[in-house]
């Protein structure tokens, strides 16, 4: 069964806290990319997201931490691993 566009967007927001389009835009306009090559910039963005997940976990916000971790996994699979 194929998901409608609205269902995909709702799933993405639940999974990432943002739509997949917003996540792609976030990666492609990241300030980390400005000062280094794309792969290193993407890796820095992933590390930043994982740090943010740690920070919100320290305050007990497990749901937001889960979304940050899912964003990091998305970026690893769609930006970093694709270049190898």
PDB file of N, CA and C in Angstrom:
ATOM      1  N   UNK A   1       0.839  -1.173   0.000  1.00  0.00           N
ATOM      2  CA  UNK A   1       0.000   0.000   0.000  1.00  0.00           C
ATOM      3  C   UNK A   1       0.889   1.244   0.000  1.00  0.00           C
ATOM      4  N   UNK A   2       0.620   2.123  -0.894  1.00  0.00           N
ATOM      5  CA  UNK A   2       1.399   3.346  -1.028  1.00  0.00           C
ATOM      6  C   UNK A   2       0.782   4.465  -0.182  1.00  0.00           C
ATOM      7  N   UNK A   3       1.643   5.228   0.456  1.00  0.00           N
ATOM      8  CA  UNK A   3       1.175   6.350   1.266  1.00  0.00           C
ATOM      9  C   UNK A   3       0.912   7.568   0.402  1.00  0.00           C
ATOM     10  N   UNK A   4      -0.105   8.330   0.755  1.00  0.00           N
ATOM     11  CA  UNK A   4      -0.358   9.587   0.051  1.00  0.00           C
ATOM     12  C   UNK A   4       0.696  10.599   0.486  1.00  0.00           C
ATOM     13  N   UNK A   5       0.799  11.683  -0.251  1.00  0.00           N
ATOM     14  CA  UNK A   5       1.752  12.747   0.082  1.00  0.00           C
ATOM     15  C   UNK A   5       1.526  13.261   1.503  1.00  0.00           C
ATOM     16  N   UNK A   6       0.284  13.470   1.874  1.00  0.00           N
ATOM     17  CA  UNK A   6      -0.048  13.958   3.218  1.00  0.00           C
ATOM     18  C   UNK A   6       0.356  12.950   4.285  1.00  0.00           C
ATOM     19  N   UNK A   7       0.101  11.669   4.032  1.00  0.00           N
ATOM     20  CA  UNK A   7       0.475  10.627   4.989  1.00  0.00           C
ATOM     21  C   UNK A   7       1.985  10.536   5.151  1.00  0.00           C
ATOM     22  N   UNK A   8       2.729  10.679   4.040  1.00  0.00           N
ATOM     23  CA  UNK A   8       4.198  10.659   4.104  1.00  0.00           C
ATOM     24  C   UNK A   8       4.711  11.839   4.913  1.00  0.00           C
ATOM     25  N   UNK A   9       4.144  13.018   4.676  1.00  0.00           N
ATOM     26  CA  UNK A   9       4.564  14.200   5.417  1.00  0.00           C
ATOM     27  C   UNK A   9       4.279  14.047   6.902  1.00  0.00           C
ATOM     28  N   UNK A  10       3.114  13.503   7.246  1.00  0.00           N
ATOM     29  CA  UNK A  10       2.771  13.278   8.655  1.00  0.00           C
ATOM     30  C   UNK A  10       3.726  12.268   9.289  1.00  0.00           C
ATOM     31  N   UNK A  11       4.044  11.221   8.563  1.00  0.00           N
ATOM     32  CA  UNK A  11       4.984  10.214   9.056  1.00  0.00           C
ATOM     33  C   UNK A  11       6.360  10.839   9.280  1.00  0.00           C
ATOM     34  N   UNK A  12       6.807  11.642   8.304  1.00  0.00           N
ATOM     35  CA  UNK A  12       8.116  12.299   8.417  1.00  0.00           C
ATOM     36  C   UNK A  12       8.174  13.227   9.620  1.00  0.00           C
ATOM     37  N   UNK A  13       7.125  14.022   9.815  1.00  0.00           N
ATOM     38  CA  UNK A  13       7.108  14.957  10.943  1.00  0.00           C
ATOM     39  C   UNK A  13       7.121  14.188  12.257  1.00  0.00           C
ATOM     40  N   UNK A  14       6.409  13.082  12.313  1.00  0.00           N
ATOM     41  CA  UNK A  14       6.426  12.261  13.522  1.00  0.00           C
ATOM     42  C   UNK A  14       7.818  11.661  13.748  1.00  0.00           C
ATOM     43  N   UNK A  15       8.460  11.230  12.662  1.00  0.00           N
ATOM     44  CA  UNK A  15       9.753  10.571  12.754  1.00  0.00           C
ATOM     45  C   UNK A  15      10.904  11.553  12.991  1.00  0.00           C
ATOM     46  N   UNK A  16      10.888  12.690  12.268  1.00  0.00           N
ATOM     47  CA  UNK A  16      12.016  13.617  12.284  1.00  0.00           C
ATOM     48  C   UNK A  16      11.739  14.938  13.004  1.00  0.00           C
ATOM     49  N   UNK A  17      10.476  15.254  13.222  1.00  0.00           N
ATOM     50  CA  UNK A  17      10.132  16.561  13.779  1.00  0.00           C
ATOM     51  C   UNK A  17       9.998  17.628  12.710  1.00  0.00           C
ATOM     52  N   UNK A  18      10.359  17.291  11.474  1.00  0.00           N
ATOM     53  CA  UNK A  18      10.245  18.160  10.300  1.00  0.00           C
ATOM     54  C   UNK A  18       9.923  17.273   9.107  1.00  0.00           C
ATOM     55  N   UNK A  19       9.505  17.869   8.001  1.00  0.00           N
ATOM     56  CA  UNK A  19       9.259  17.067   6.792  1.00  0.00           C
ATOM     57  C   UNK A  19      10.604  16.642   6.194  1.00  0.00           C
ATOM     58  N   UNK A  20      10.590  15.615   5.361  1.00  0.00           N
ATOM     59  CA  UNK A  20      11.837  15.179   4.729  1.00  0.00           C
ATOM     60  C   UNK A  20      12.377  16.270   3.805  1.00  0.00           C
ATOM     61  N   UNK A  21      11.496  17.060   3.211  1.00  0.00           N
ATOM     62  CA  UNK A  21      11.934  18.183   2.373  1.00  0.00           C
ATOM     63  C   UNK A  21      12.692  19.210   3.220  1.00  0.00           C
ATOM     64  N   UNK A  22      12.158  19.524   4.397  1.00  0.00           N
ATOM     65  CA  UNK A  22      12.840  20.466   5.291  1.00  0.00           C
ATOM     66  C   UNK A  22      14.177  19.893   5.764  1.00  0.00           C
ATOM     67  N   UNK A  23      14.229  18.595   5.985  1.00  0.00           N
ATOM     68  CA  UNK A  23      15.465  17.950   6.402  1.00  0.00           C
ATOM     69  C   UNK A  23      16.513  18.015   5.294  1.00  0.00           C
ATOM     70  N   UNK A  24      16.109  17.764   4.052  1.00  0.00           N
ATOM     71  CA  UNK A  24      17.045  17.870   2.913  1.00  0.00           C
ATOM     72  C   UNK A  24      17.546  19.307   2.774  1.00  0.00           C
ATOM     73  N   UNK A  25      16.633  20.271   2.891  1.00  0.00           N
ATOM     74  CA  UNK A  25      17.026  21.676   2.790  1.00  0.00           C
ATOM     75  C   UNK A  25      18.002  22.043   3.909  1.00  0.00           C
ATOM     76  N   UNK A  26      17.740  21.540   5.104  1.00  0.00           N
ATOM     77  CA  UNK A  26      18.616  21.788   6.250  1.00  0.00           C
ATOM     78  C   UNK A  26      20.031  21.283   5.942  1.00  0.00           C
ATOM     79  N   UNK A  27      20.119  20.094   5.370  1.00  0.00           N
ATOM     80  CA  UNK A  27      21.423  19.510   5.057  1.00  0.00           C
ATOM     81  C   UNK A  27      22.131  20.296   3.954  1.00  0.00           C
ATOM     82  N   UNK A  28      21.395  20.660   2.923  1.00  0.00           N
ATOM     83  CA  UNK A  28      22.023  21.285   1.768  1.00  0.00           C
ATOM     84  C   UNK A  28      22.362  22.749   1.978  1.00  0.00           C
ATOM     85  N   UNK A  29      21.780  23.375   2.988  1.00  0.00           N
ATOM     86  CA  UNK A  29      22.094  24.779   3.267  1.00  0.00           C
ATOM     87  C   UNK A  29      22.860  24.936   4.575  1.00  0.00           C
ATOM     88  N   UNK A  30      23.325  23.827   5.123  1.00  0.00           N
ATOM     89  CA  UNK A  30      24.035  23.843   6.404  1.00  0.00           C
ATOM     90  C   UNK A  30      25.276  24.727   6.339  1.00  0.00           C
ATOM     91  N   UNK A  31      25.476  25.517   7.364  1.00  0.00           N
ATOM     92  CA  UNK A  31      26.675  26.360   7.431  1.00  0.00           C
ATOM     93  C   UNK A  31      27.932  25.508   7.564  1.00  0.00           C
ATOM     94  N   UNK A  32      27.793  24.259   8.013  1.00  0.00           N
ATOM     95  CA  UNK A  32      28.958  23.372   8.093  1.00  0.00           C
ATOM     96  C   UNK A  32      29.526  23.092   6.713  1.00  0.00           C
ATOM     97  N   UNK A  33      28.689  23.089   5.688  1.00  0.00           N
ATOM     98  CA  UNK A  33      29.160  22.833   4.325  1.00  0.00           C
ATOM     99  C   UNK A  33      29.937  24.017   3.753  1.00  0.00           C
ATOM    100  N   UNK A  34      29.672  25.206   4.256  1.00  0.00           N
ATOM    101  CA  UNK A  34      30.305  26.404   3.694  1.00  0.00           C
ATOM    102  C   UNK A  34      31.816  26.387   3.894  1.00  0.00           C
ATOM    103  N   UNK A  35      32.270  25.895   5.031  1.00  0.00           N
ATOM    104  CA  UNK A  35      33.695  25.955   5.339  1.00  0.00           C
ATOM    105  C   UNK A  35      34.469  24.696   5.040  1.00  0.00           C
ATOM    106  N   UNK A  36      33.804  23.635   4.565  1.00  0.00           N
ATOM    107  CA  UNK A  36      34.495  22.378   4.297  1.00  0.00           C
ATOM    108  C   UNK A  36      33.797  21.642   3.165  1.00  0.00           C
ATOM    109  N   UNK A  37      34.397  20.541   2.717  1.00  0.00           N
ATOM    110  CA  UNK A  37      33.744  19.781   1.652  1.00  0.00           C
ATOM    111  C   UNK A  37      32.425  19.199   2.163  1.00  0.00           C
ATOM    112  N   UNK A  38      31.562  18.820   1.223  1.00  0.00           N
ATOM    113  CA  UNK A  38      30.211  18.374   1.573  1.00  0.00           C
ATOM    114  C   UNK A  38      30.201  17.216   2.561  1.00  0.00           C
ATOM    115  N   UNK A  39      31.054  16.204   2.343  1.00  0.00           N
ATOM    116  CA  UNK A  39      31.029  15.030   3.212  1.00  0.00           C
ATOM    117  C   UNK A  39      31.421  15.406   4.642  1.00  0.00           C
ATOM    118  N   UNK A  40      32.461  16.198   4.807  1.00  0.00           N
ATOM    119  CA  UNK A  40      32.875  16.613   6.152  1.00  0.00           C
ATOM    120  C   UNK A  40      31.817  17.511   6.783  1.00  0.00           C
ATOM    121  N   UNK A  41      31.224  18.394   5.987  1.00  0.00           N
ATOM    122  CA  UNK A  41      30.172  19.256   6.494  1.00  0.00           C
ATOM    123  C   UNK A  41      28.958  18.462   6.943  1.00  0.00           C
ATOM    124  N   UNK A  42      28.595  17.441   6.160  1.00  0.00           N
ATOM    125  CA  UNK A  42      27.467  16.587   6.535  1.00  0.00           C
ATOM    126  C   UNK A  42      27.781  15.828   7.816  1.00  0.00           C
ATOM    127  N   UNK A  43      29.014  15.348   7.950  1.00  0.00           N
ATOM    128  CA  UNK A  43      29.410  14.633   9.171  1.00  0.00           C
ATOM    129  C   UNK A  43      29.330  15.563  10.380  1.00  0.00           C
ATOM    130  N   UNK A  44      29.737  16.801  10.231  1.00  0.00           N
ATOM    131  CA  UNK A  44      29.650  17.761  11.331  1.00  0.00           C
ATOM    132  C   UNK A  44      28.191  18.028  11.693  1.00  0.00           C
ATOM    133  N   UNK A  45      27.314  18.121  10.699  1.00  0.00           N
ATOM    134  CA  UNK A  45      25.894  18.332  10.964  1.00  0.00           C
ATOM    135  C   UNK A  45      25.314  17.147  11.731  1.00  0.00           C
ATOM    136  N   UNK A  46      25.689  15.931  11.346  1.00  0.00           N
ATOM    137  CA  UNK A  46      25.226  14.733  12.048  1.00  0.00           C
ATOM    138  C   UNK A  46      25.703  14.768  13.496  1.00  0.00           C
ATOM    139  N   UNK A  47      26.977  15.093  13.710  1.00  0.00           N
ATOM    140  CA  UNK A  47      27.486  15.152  15.081  1.00  0.00           C
ATOM    141  C   UNK A  47      26.767  16.222  15.890  1.00  0.00           C
ATOM    142  N   UNK A  48      26.440  17.330  15.264  1.00  0.00           N
ATOM    143  CA  UNK A  48      25.695  18.388  15.938  1.00  0.00           C
ATOM    144  C   UNK A  48      24.313  17.896  16.356  1.00  0.00           C
ATOM    145  N   UNK A  49      23.649  17.155  15.474  1.00  0.00           N
ATOM    146  CA  UNK A  49      22.324  16.619  15.796  1.00  0.00           C
ATOM    147  C   UNK A  49      22.398  15.618  16.940  1.00  0.00           C
ATOM    148  N   UNK A  50      23.436  14.778  16.943  1.00  0.00           N
ATOM    149  CA  UNK A  50      23.586  13.817  18.033  1.00  0.00           C
ATOM    150  C   UNK A  50      23.884  14.527  19.350  1.00  0.00           C
ATOM    151  N   UNK A  51      24.642  15.604  19.304  1.00  0.00           N
ATOM    152  CA  UNK A  51      24.885  16.400  20.513  1.00  0.00           C
ATOM    153  C   UNK A  51      23.587  17.021  21.018  1.00  0.00           C
ATOM    154  N   UNK A  52      22.769  17.505  20.084  1.00  0.00           N
ATOM    155  CA  UNK A  52      21.477  18.072  20.471  1.00  0.00           C
ATOM    156  C   UNK A  52      20.599  17.004  21.119  1.00  0.00           C
ATOM    157  N   UNK A  53      20.652  15.780  20.584  1.00  0.00           N
ATOM    158  CA  UNK A  53      19.887  14.677  21.173  1.00  0.00           C
ATOM    159  C   UNK A  53      20.346  14.417  22.606  1.00  0.00           C
ATOM    160  N   UNK A  54      21.652  14.423  22.824  1.00  0.00           N
ATOM    161  CA  UNK A  54      22.170  14.230  24.184  1.00  0.00           C
ATOM    162  C   UNK A  54      21.685  15.335  25.117  1.00  0.00           C
ATOM    163  N   UNK A  55      21.702  16.538  24.631  1.00  0.00           N
ATOM    164  CA  UNK A  55      21.291  17.682  25.447  1.00  0.00           C
ATOM    165  C   UNK A  55      19.835  17.576  25.867  1.00  0.00           C
ATOM    166  N   UNK A  56      18.941  17.276  24.925  1.00  0.00           N
ATOM    167  CA  UNK A  56      17.528  17.207  25.294  1.00  0.00           C
ATOM    168  C   UNK A  56      17.228  15.975  26.144  1.00  0.00           C
ATOM    169  N   UNK A  57      18.012  14.904  25.974  1.00  0.00           N
ATOM    170  CA  UNK A  57      17.832  13.734  26.844  1.00  0.00           C
ATOM    171  C   UNK A  57      18.174  14.079  28.283  1.00  0.00           C
ATOM    172  N   UNK A  58      19.175  14.942  28.462  1.00  0.00           N
ATOM    173  CA  UNK A  58      19.566  15.349  29.815  1.00  0.00           C
ATOM    174  C   UNK A  58      18.419  16.049  30.532  1.00  0.00           C
ATOM    175  N   UNK A  59      17.523  16.632  29.763  1.00  0.00           N
ATOM    176  CA  UNK A  59      16.355  17.312  30.330  1.00  0.00           C
ATOM    177  C   UNK A  59      15.098  16.442  30.290  1.00  0.00           C
ATOM    178  N   UNK A  60      15.265  15.175  29.892  1.00  0.00           N
ATOM    179  CA  UNK A  60      14.152  14.232  29.909  1.00  0.00           C
ATOM    180  C   UNK A  60      13.253  14.245  28.689  1.00  0.00           C
ATOM    181  N   UNK A  61      13.645  14.971  27.634  1.00  0.00           N
ATOM    182  CA  UNK A  61      12.809  15.061  26.425  1.00  0.00           C
ATOM    183  C   UNK A  61      13.199  13.955  25.448  1.00  0.00           C
ATOM    184  N   UNK A  62      12.749  12.756  25.744  1.00  0.00           N
ATOM    185  CA  UNK A  62      13.111  11.578  24.961  1.00  0.00           C
ATOM    186  C   UNK A  62      12.557  11.650  23.541  1.00  0.00           C
ATOM    187  N   UNK A  63      11.364  12.180  23.358  1.00  0.00           N
ATOM    188  CA  UNK A  63      10.740  12.256  22.026  1.00  0.00           C
ATOM    189  C   UNK A  63      11.562  13.137  21.084  1.00  0.00           C
ATOM    190  N   UNK A  64      11.969  14.295  21.546  1.00  0.00           N
ATOM    191  CA  UNK A  64      12.789  15.173  20.698  1.00  0.00           C
ATOM    192  C   UNK A  64      14.147  14.537  20.438  1.00  0.00           C
ATOM    193  N   UNK A  65      14.714  13.877  21.428  1.00  0.00           N
ATOM    194  CA  UNK A  65      15.987  13.175  21.238  1.00  0.00           C
ATOM    195  C   UNK A  65      15.844  12.113  20.148  1.00  0.00           C
ATOM    196  N   UNK A  66      14.752  11.369  20.178  1.00  0.00           N
ATOM    197  CA  UNK A  66      14.503  10.339  19.155  1.00  0.00           C
ATOM    198  C   UNK A  66      14.451  10.961  17.772  1.00  0.00           C
ATOM    199  N   UNK A  67      13.800  12.119  17.659  1.00  0.00           N
ATOM    200  CA  UNK A  67      13.703  12.790  16.359  1.00  0.00           C
ATOM    201  C   UNK A  67      15.076  13.267  15.874  1.00  0.00           C
ATOM    202  N   UNK A  68      15.889  13.818  16.777  1.00  0.00           N
ATOM    203  CA  UNK A  68      17.247  14.224  16.386  1.00  0.00           C
ATOM    204  C   UNK A  68      18.060  13.017  15.909  1.00  0.00           C
ATOM    205  N   UNK A  69      17.943  11.896  16.606  1.00  0.00           N
ATOM    206  CA  UNK A  69      18.677  10.694  16.209  1.00  0.00           C
ATOM    207  C   UNK A  69      18.186  10.205  14.856  1.00  0.00           C
ATOM    208  N   UNK A  70      16.884  10.240  14.608  1.00  0.00           N
ATOM    209  CA  UNK A  70      16.354   9.847  13.297  1.00  0.00           C
ATOM    210  C   UNK A  70      16.842  10.781  12.196  1.00  0.00           C
ATOM    211  N   UNK A  71      16.942  12.079  12.493  1.00  0.00           N
ATOM    212  CA  UNK A  71      17.489  13.021  11.500  1.00  0.00           C
ATOM    213  C   UNK A  71      18.924  12.651  11.166  1.00  0.00           C
ATOM    214  N   UNK A  72      19.706  12.352  12.185  1.00  0.00           N
ATOM    215  CA  UNK A  72      21.106  11.986  11.972  1.00  0.00           C
ATOM    216  C   UNK A  72      21.203  10.720  11.114  1.00  0.00           C
ATOM    217  N   UNK A  73      20.382   9.730  11.404  1.00  0.00           N
ATOM    218  CA  UNK A  73      20.399   8.486  10.624  1.00  0.00           C
ATOM    219  C   UNK A  73      20.010   8.757   9.170  1.00  0.00           C
ATOM    220  N   UNK A  74      19.022   9.614   8.972  1.00  0.00           N
ATOM    221  CA  UNK A  74      18.603   9.975   7.609  1.00  0.00           C
ATOM    222  C   UNK A  74      19.766  10.601   6.839  1.00  0.00           C
ATOM    223  N   UNK A  75      20.442  11.547   7.478  1.00  0.00           N
ATOM    224  CA  UNK A  75      21.557  12.219   6.813  1.00  0.00           C
ATOM    225  C   UNK A  75      22.699  11.263   6.516  1.00  0.00           C
ATOM    226  N   UNK A  76      22.990  10.372   7.439  1.00  0.00           N
ATOM    227  CA  UNK A  76      24.046   9.387   7.196  1.00  0.00           C
ATOM    228  C   UNK A  76      23.685   8.535   5.986  1.00  0.00           C
ATOM    229  N   UNK A  77      22.458   8.049   5.925  1.00  0.00           N
ATOM    230  CA  UNK A  77      22.083   7.160   4.830  1.00  0.00           C
ATOM    231  C   UNK A  77      21.899   7.874   3.504  1.00  0.00           C
ATOM    232  N   UNK A  78      21.431   9.122   3.508  1.00  0.00           N
ATOM    233  CA  UNK A  78      21.141   9.814   2.252  1.00  0.00           C
ATOM    234  C   UNK A  78      22.261  10.723   1.759  1.00  0.00           C
ATOM    235  N   UNK A  79      23.156  11.138   2.625  1.00  0.00           N
ATOM    236  CA  UNK A  79      24.206  12.053   2.203  1.00  0.00           C
ATOM    237  C   UNK A  79      25.602  11.486   2.359  1.00  0.00           C
ATOM    238  N   UNK A  80      25.892  10.851   3.457  1.00  0.00           N
ATOM    239  CA  UNK A  80      27.262  10.385   3.687  1.00  0.00           C
ATOM    240  C   UNK A  80      27.517   9.058   2.999  1.00  0.00           C
ATOM    241  N   UNK A  81      26.646   8.065   3.197  1.00  0.00           N
ATOM    242  CA  UNK A  81      26.867   6.744   2.607  1.00  0.00           C
ATOM    243  C   UNK A  81      26.723   6.757   1.083  1.00  0.00           C
ATOM    244  N   UNK A  82      25.904   7.650   0.548  1.00  0.00           N
ATOM    245  CA  UNK A  82      25.733   7.723  -0.901  1.00  0.00           C
ATOM    246  C   UNK A  82      27.009   8.167  -1.610  1.00  0.00           C
ATOM    247  N   UNK A  83      27.879   8.860  -0.907  1.00  0.00           N
ATOM    248  CA  UNK A  83      29.107   9.369  -1.521  1.00  0.00           C
ATOM    249  C   UNK A  83      30.228   8.344  -1.510  1.00  0.00           C
ATOM    250  N   UNK A  84      30.063   7.277  -0.779  1.00  0.00           N
ATOM    251  CA  UNK A  84      31.146   6.291  -0.680  1.00  0.00           C
ATOM    252  C   UNK A  84      31.129   5.323  -1.831  1.00  0.00           C
TER     253      UNK A  84
END
